[in-house]
Protein backbone atom coordinates (compact mmCIF):
# COMPACT_ATOMS: atom_id res chain seq x y z
CA UNK A 1 5.32 27.35 23.44
CA UNK A 2 6.16 23.80 22.38
CA UNK A 3 3.57 23.93 19.61
CA UNK A 4 4.86 27.31 18.51
CA UNK A 5 8.42 26.12 17.97
CA UNK A 6 7.74 22.53 16.88
CA UNK A 7 9.96 21.54 13.96
CA UNK A 8 7.70 18.80 12.58
CA UNK A 9 3.95 18.95 12.13
CA UNK A 10 1.73 15.98 11.41
CA UNK A 11 -1.53 16.86 9.69
CA UNK A 12 -4.56 15.10 8.30
CA UNK A 13 -3.19 15.91 4.85
CA UNK A 14 -0.29 13.52 5.49
CA UNK A 15 -2.48 10.41 5.87
CA UNK A 16 -3.41 7.64 3.44
CA UNK A 17 -5.81 4.93 4.65
CA UNK A 18 -5.17 1.33 3.49
CA UNK A 19 -8.48 -0.49 3.00
CA UNK A 20 -9.34 -4.12 2.23
CA UNK A 21 -12.31 -5.12 0.09
CA UNK A 22 -13.40 -8.75 -0.16
CA UNK A 23 -15.49 -10.35 -2.85
CA UNK A 24 -18.58 -12.35 -1.91
CA UNK A 25 -19.35 -10.97 1.57
CA UNK A 26 -22.33 -8.89 2.71
CA UNK A 27 -20.89 -7.50 5.94
CA UNK A 28 -17.42 -6.47 7.11
CA UNK A 29 -15.20 -9.23 8.52
CA UNK A 30 -12.85 -8.25 11.39
CA UNK A 31 -9.15 -9.09 10.99
CA UNK A 32 -8.04 -10.58 14.29
CA UNK A 33 -4.37 -9.64 13.99
CA UNK A 34 -5.25 -6.06 12.97
CA UNK A 35 -7.53 -4.76 15.74
CA UNK A 36 -10.02 -2.25 14.39
CA UNK A 37 -9.39 -3.16 10.73
CA UNK A 38 -11.81 -5.20 8.61
CA UNK A 39 -12.24 -6.83 5.24
CA UNK A 40 -14.97 -4.70 3.70
CA UNK A 41 -17.91 -5.60 1.54
CA UNK A 42 -18.56 -3.19 -1.31
CA UNK A 43 -21.31 -1.51 0.74
CA UNK A 44 -19.31 -1.20 3.95
CA UNK A 45 -16.34 0.11 1.95
CA UNK A 46 -18.44 2.99 0.64
CA UNK A 47 -19.58 3.79 4.18
CA UNK A 48 -15.97 3.71 5.43
CA UNK A 49 -14.82 6.03 2.67
CA UNK A 50 -17.64 8.45 3.41
CA UNK A 51 -16.24 8.71 6.92
CA UNK A 52 -12.71 9.29 5.61
CA UNK A 53 -13.94 12.06 3.34
CA UNK A 54 -15.76 13.69 6.24
CA UNK A 55 -12.54 13.59 8.30
CA UNK A 56 -10.66 15.27 5.46
CA UNK A 57 -8.29 12.37 4.75
CA UNK A 58 -6.98 13.04 1.25
CA UNK A 59 -6.34 9.51 -0.04
CA UNK A 60 -6.87 5.78 0.36
CA UNK A 61 -5.22 2.70 -1.09
CA UNK A 62 -7.21 -0.43 -1.96
CA UNK A 63 -6.26 -4.09 -1.56
CA UNK A 64 -8.53 -6.84 -2.87
CA UNK A 65 -9.41 -10.36 -1.76
CA UNK A 66 -11.03 -12.29 -4.64
CA UNK A 67 -13.29 -15.32 -4.49
CA UNK A 68 -11.10 -17.31 -6.86
CA UNK A 69 -7.33 -17.48 -7.37
CA UNK A 70 -5.20 -18.99 -10.11
CA UNK A 71 -1.55 -19.38 -11.07
CA UNK A 72 -1.38 -16.01 -12.85
CA UNK A 73 -3.65 -13.99 -10.57
CA UNK A 74 -5.99 -13.11 -13.42
CA UNK A 75 -8.57 -11.46 -11.15
CA UNK A 76 -6.06 -8.61 -10.74
CA UNK A 77 -6.92 -7.33 -14.24
CA UNK A 78 -10.48 -8.64 -14.57
CA UNK A 79 -12.69 -5.58 -15.29
CA UNK A 80 -15.20 -7.09 -12.88
CA UNK A 81 -12.58 -7.99 -10.27
CA UNK A 82 -13.14 -6.91 -6.71
CA UNK A 83 -10.82 -3.88 -6.73
CA UNK A 84 -11.97 -2.66 -10.13
CA UNK A 85 -15.62 -2.81 -8.99
CA UNK A 86 -14.71 -0.95 -5.82
CA UNK A 87 -12.83 1.75 -7.73
CA UNK A 88 -15.78 2.37 -10.04
CA UNK A 89 -18.19 2.53 -7.11
CA UNK A 90 -16.03 4.96 -5.17
CA UNK A 91 -15.33 7.19 -8.17
CA UNK A 92 -19.04 7.37 -8.96
CA UNK A 93 -20.01 8.17 -5.37
CA UNK A 94 -17.20 10.47 -4.25
CA UNK A 95 -15.87 11.97 -7.47
CA UNK A 96 -12.67 13.88 -6.77
CA UNK A 97 -13.30 14.23 -3.02
CA UNK A 98 -10.61 11.64 -2.25
CA UNK A 99 -7.59 10.33 -4.15
CA UNK A 100 -7.99 6.67 -5.13
CA UNK A 101 -4.80 4.63 -5.01
CA UNK A 102 -4.70 0.95 -5.89
CA UNK A 103 -2.08 -1.58 -4.87
CA UNK A 104 -0.76 -3.20 -8.02
CA UNK A 105 0.43 -6.75 -7.48
CA UNK A 106 -0.87 -10.27 -7.96
CA UNK A 107 0.01 -12.00 -4.69
CA UNK A 108 -3.54 -11.58 -3.36
CA UNK A 109 -4.82 -13.19 -6.55
CA UNK A 110 -2.43 -16.11 -7.10
CA UNK A 111 -2.99 -19.58 -5.70
CA UNK A 112 0.71 -19.83 -4.77
CA UNK A 113 0.94 -16.46 -2.97
CA UNK A 114 3.89 -15.10 -4.92
CA UNK A 115 3.96 -11.69 -6.61
CA UNK A 116 4.25 -13.06 -10.14
CA UNK A 117 4.40 -16.03 -12.45
CA UNK A 118 6.24 -19.00 -10.94
CA UNK A 119 8.27 -21.20 -13.28
CA UNK A 120 8.63 -24.97 -13.12
CA UNK A 121 11.58 -24.60 -10.74
CA UNK A 122 9.49 -22.61 -8.27
CA UNK A 123 11.14 -19.28 -9.03
CA UNK A 124 9.31 -16.08 -9.92
CA UNK A 125 9.75 -15.21 -13.61
CA UNK A 126 10.47 -11.48 -13.50
CA UNK A 127 9.98 -10.65 -17.18
CA UNK A 128 6.82 -12.71 -17.67
CA UNK A 129 5.34 -11.04 -14.60
CA UNK A 130 5.72 -7.56 -16.10
CA UNK A 131 3.00 -8.31 -18.63
CA UNK A 132 0.58 -9.10 -15.81
CA UNK A 133 1.38 -5.84 -14.05
CA UNK A 134 0.81 -3.88 -17.26
CA UNK A 135 -2.63 -5.46 -17.68
CA UNK A 136 -3.54 -4.80 -14.04
CA UNK A 137 -2.43 -1.16 -14.28
CA UNK A 138 -4.66 -0.49 -17.26
CA UNK A 139 -7.61 -2.26 -15.62
CA UNK A 140 -7.22 -0.16 -12.47
CA UNK A 141 -6.86 3.07 -14.41
CA UNK A 142 -9.96 2.29 -16.47
CA UNK A 143 -11.87 1.67 -13.24
CA UNK A 144 -10.91 5.07 -11.83
CA UNK A 145 -7.62 4.76 -9.99
CA UNK A 146 -5.71 8.04 -9.76
CA UNK A 147 -2.48 6.38 -8.63
CA UNK A 148 -1.37 2.82 -9.24
CA UNK A 149 1.12 1.48 -6.70
CA UNK A 150 3.24 -1.43 -7.94
CA UNK A 151 4.41 -3.44 -4.93
CA UNK A 152 5.84 -6.59 -6.51
CA UNK A 153 9.49 -5.45 -6.67
CA UNK A 154 10.02 -6.86 -10.16
CA UNK A 155 12.89 -5.29 -12.08
CA UNK A 156 11.50 -3.07 -14.83
CA UNK A 157 7.96 -2.96 -13.44
CA UNK A 158 7.65 0.82 -13.46
CA UNK A 159 8.68 1.14 -17.11
CA UNK A 160 6.31 -1.65 -18.17
CA UNK A 161 3.42 -0.02 -16.29
CA UNK A 162 4.20 3.49 -17.55
CA UNK A 163 4.36 2.27 -21.15
CA UNK A 164 1.07 0.39 -20.80
CA UNK A 165 -0.72 3.33 -19.21
CA UNK A 166 0.53 5.76 -21.84
CA UNK A 167 -0.41 3.44 -24.68
CA UNK A 168 -3.93 3.13 -23.25
CA UNK A 169 -4.10 6.96 -22.98
CA UNK A 170 -3.90 7.04 -19.19
CA UNK A 171 -0.87 9.30 -19.26
CA UNK A 172 -2.18 11.31 -16.27
CA UNK A 173 -2.43 8.23 -14.04
CA UNK A 174 0.44 8.46 -11.56
CA UNK A 175 2.74 5.71 -10.30
CA UNK A 176 3.66 5.34 -6.63
CA UNK A 177 6.47 2.79 -6.66
CA UNK A 178 7.13 0.54 -3.67
CA UNK A 179 10.79 1.19 -4.46
CA UNK A 180 12.42 0.28 -1.15
CA UNK A 181 10.29 -2.66 -0.04
CA UNK A 182 12.03 -4.99 2.36
CA UNK A 183 11.57 -8.71 2.95
CA UNK A 184 10.31 -7.85 6.42
CA UNK A 185 8.97 -9.83 9.35
CA UNK A 186 6.41 -7.06 9.94
CA UNK A 187 3.96 -8.15 7.21
CA UNK A 188 2.26 -11.04 9.02
CA UNK A 189 -1.05 -9.36 9.87
CA UNK A 190 -1.33 -8.02 6.32
CA UNK A 191 -1.14 -11.55 4.95
CA UNK A 192 -3.97 -12.49 7.30
CA UNK A 193 -5.93 -9.55 5.91
CA UNK A 194 -5.57 -10.63 2.28
CA UNK A 195 -5.66 -14.40 2.93
CA UNK A 196 -2.21 -15.01 1.42
CA UNK A 197 -0.02 -18.00 2.20
CA UNK A 198 3.12 -18.60 0.18
CA UNK A 199 3.19 -22.11 -1.26
CA UNK A 200 5.54 -24.72 0.19
CA UNK A 201 6.56 -22.44 3.05
CA UNK A 202 8.39 -20.13 0.64
CA UNK A 203 9.29 -16.48 1.02
CA UNK A 204 9.91 -13.39 -1.11
CA UNK A 205 13.58 -12.86 -0.39
CA UNK A 206 14.38 -13.41 -4.05
CA UNK A 207 12.74 -10.14 -5.06
CA UNK A 208 12.21 -8.06 -1.90
CA UNK A 209 15.16 -6.30 -0.34
CA UNK A 210 17.50 -7.63 2.32
CA UNK A 211 16.72 -5.75 5.53
CA UNK A 212 20.43 -5.43 6.25
CA UNK A 213 21.02 -3.25 3.17
CA UNK A 214 20.64 0.49 2.87
CA UNK A 215 22.57 1.47 -0.25
CA UNK A 216 20.55 -1.04 -2.25
CA UNK A 217 17.35 0.80 -1.33
CA UNK A 218 18.66 4.05 -2.77
CA UNK A 219 19.67 2.29 -5.98
CA UNK A 220 16.18 0.80 -6.31
CA UNK A 221 14.67 4.27 -5.82
CA UNK A 222 16.92 5.76 -8.50
CA UNK A 223 16.04 2.89 -10.83
CA UNK A 224 12.28 3.40 -10.44
CA UNK A 225 12.56 7.16 -10.93
CA UNK A 226 14.55 6.64 -14.11
CA UNK A 227 11.70 4.47 -15.42
CA UNK A 228 8.99 7.04 -14.74
CA UNK A 229 7.83 6.70 -11.13
CA UNK A 230 6.08 9.86 -9.91
CA UNK A 231 6.39 9.00 -6.22
CA UNK A 232 8.41 6.47 -4.24
CA UNK A 233 7.86 4.54 -1.02
CA UNK A 234 9.86 3.02 1.80
CA UNK A 235 8.21 -0.03 3.37
CA UNK A 236 8.13 -0.70 6.30
CA UNK A 237 8.51 2.82 7.67
CA UNK A 238 9.19 2.71 11.39
CA UNK A 239 11.99 0.13 11.24
CA UNK A 240 13.53 1.96 8.25
CA UNK A 241 13.52 5.60 9.28
CA UNK A 242 17.16 5.85 8.25
CA UNK A 243 16.23 4.84 4.70
CA UNK A 244 13.48 7.45 4.57
CA UNK A 245 15.95 10.12 5.69
CA UNK A 246 18.59 9.06 3.18
CA UNK A 247 16.00 8.96 0.39
CA UNK A 248 14.72 12.39 1.35
CA UNK A 249 18.20 13.87 1.02
CA UNK A 250 18.54 12.40 -2.46
CA UNK A 251 15.16 12.79 -4.20
CA UNK A 252 12.74 15.67 -4.67
CA UNK A 253 9.68 13.65 -5.68
CA UNK A 254 6.94 12.86 -3.13
CA UNK A 255 8.19 10.27 -0.65
CA UNK A 256 5.87 7.88 1.20
CA UNK A 257 6.41 5.75 4.27
CA UNK A 258 4.20 2.71 4.85
CA UNK A 259 3.51 2.16 8.56
CA UNK A 260 2.84 -1.52 8.01
CA UNK A 261 0.54 -4.04 9.62
CA UNK A 262 3.05 -5.50 12.08
CA UNK A 263 4.11 -2.06 13.28
CA UNK A 264 0.45 -1.16 13.79
CA UNK A 265 -0.39 -4.48 15.48
CA UNK A 266 2.45 -4.17 18.00
CA UNK A 267 1.27 -0.72 19.00
CA UNK A 268 -2.34 -1.88 19.35
CA UNK A 269 -1.41 -5.00 21.34
CA UNK A 270 0.67 -3.01 23.80
CA UNK A 271 -2.08 -0.43 24.19
CA UNK A 272 -4.74 -3.10 24.77
CA UNK A 273 -2.58 -4.55 27.55
CA UNK A 274 -2.24 -1.14 29.14
CA UNK A 275 1.52 -1.08 28.64
CA UNK A 276 1.55 2.18 26.63
CA UNK A 277 -0.73 5.14 25.96
CA UNK A 278 -1.95 4.05 22.53
CA UNK A 279 -3.20 7.45 21.37
CA UNK A 280 0.01 9.23 22.34
CA UNK A 281 2.15 6.48 20.83
CA UNK A 282 0.22 6.66 17.55
CA UNK A 283 0.85 10.38 17.17
CA UNK A 284 4.50 10.01 18.18
CA UNK A 285 5.04 7.15 15.74
CA UNK A 286 3.57 8.91 12.72
CA UNK A 287 5.31 12.17 13.58
CA UNK A 288 8.63 10.27 13.65
CA UNK A 289 7.98 9.02 10.12
CA UNK A 290 7.18 12.55 8.99
CA UNK A 291 10.24 13.92 10.81
CA UNK A 292 12.43 11.37 9.03
CA UNK A 293 11.38 12.93 5.73
CA UNK A 294 8.18 11.28 4.48
CA UNK A 295 5.72 13.55 2.69
CA UNK A 296 2.81 11.23 3.39
CA UNK A 297 2.18 8.07 5.38
CA UNK A 298 0.14 4.98 4.60
CA UNK A 299 -1.21 3.85 7.96
CA UNK A 300 -4.03 1.82 9.49
CA UNK A 301 -4.14 4.57 12.12
CA UNK A 302 -5.35 7.12 9.55
CA UNK A 303 -8.95 7.52 10.71
CA UNK A 304 -8.28 7.61 14.46
CA UNK A 305 -5.31 9.95 14.11
CA UNK A 306 -7.33 12.23 11.82
CA UNK A 307 -10.03 12.39 14.48
CA UNK A 308 -7.43 13.32 17.10
CA UNK A 309 -5.83 15.96 14.89
CA UNK A 310 -9.20 17.43 13.98
CA UNK A 311 -10.29 18.02 17.56
């Protein structure tokens, strides 16, 4: 009876799996602060994606860890960069069996850990950074990305990326904008996963959103849509369910929630200590994000939840 009258239904079709691929390794490397998640080699990534396809998960998003970093993050648009190689491999092996998304930023690739070019005063140069994002978008599209996902929160990034993609004749490549991305304390395990440390103990509060603000998030979403975003995201998801709901009431485009690394790690830590039923909490958590209004969810729980839903 409860299933019959349930208002919200979580399905495998709602899940996007974030995956990490690292250059220069031959075997997967476990990420201590993200239990069950690894940095993949190119070979282990293909094996992981084969499993996702078998489970029926419709999409993944790739994050790269390069061997070398520099001030501009040039490996982000190197045709032979770690993510571009992975995209080509996955497209060749799996064709259209799974949607390939690629995170579009340079923080994993810069030696200072910021999401763009840093000027001599230590501040991120918004406008100079847009050129880097445009180059990275084209490189990812050429490698086979269906959806590029700019996460740097630079003003004007969506327009710069859309213009670059269209000029390079990738007009069918979609943009998933990290429109409402907060300067959150829940990103710690992710930074372990991509080996990012911000230089001089800095932070990203200058370009990510203040977690006390809600109206600002809606303005950022409107701004990205006006520039050509096809989909928008709220990140983190669980701590910002109110923002997801408010965005859902305002926009008709696909809306994503990112169940981020810290939210995942807390759930896993509590489950490992026997304090909660981890499987039940996982389903409840993702259903809450869907109930709030998200059309799909980026989550490190994707594979295990898909297995549970498919039983």
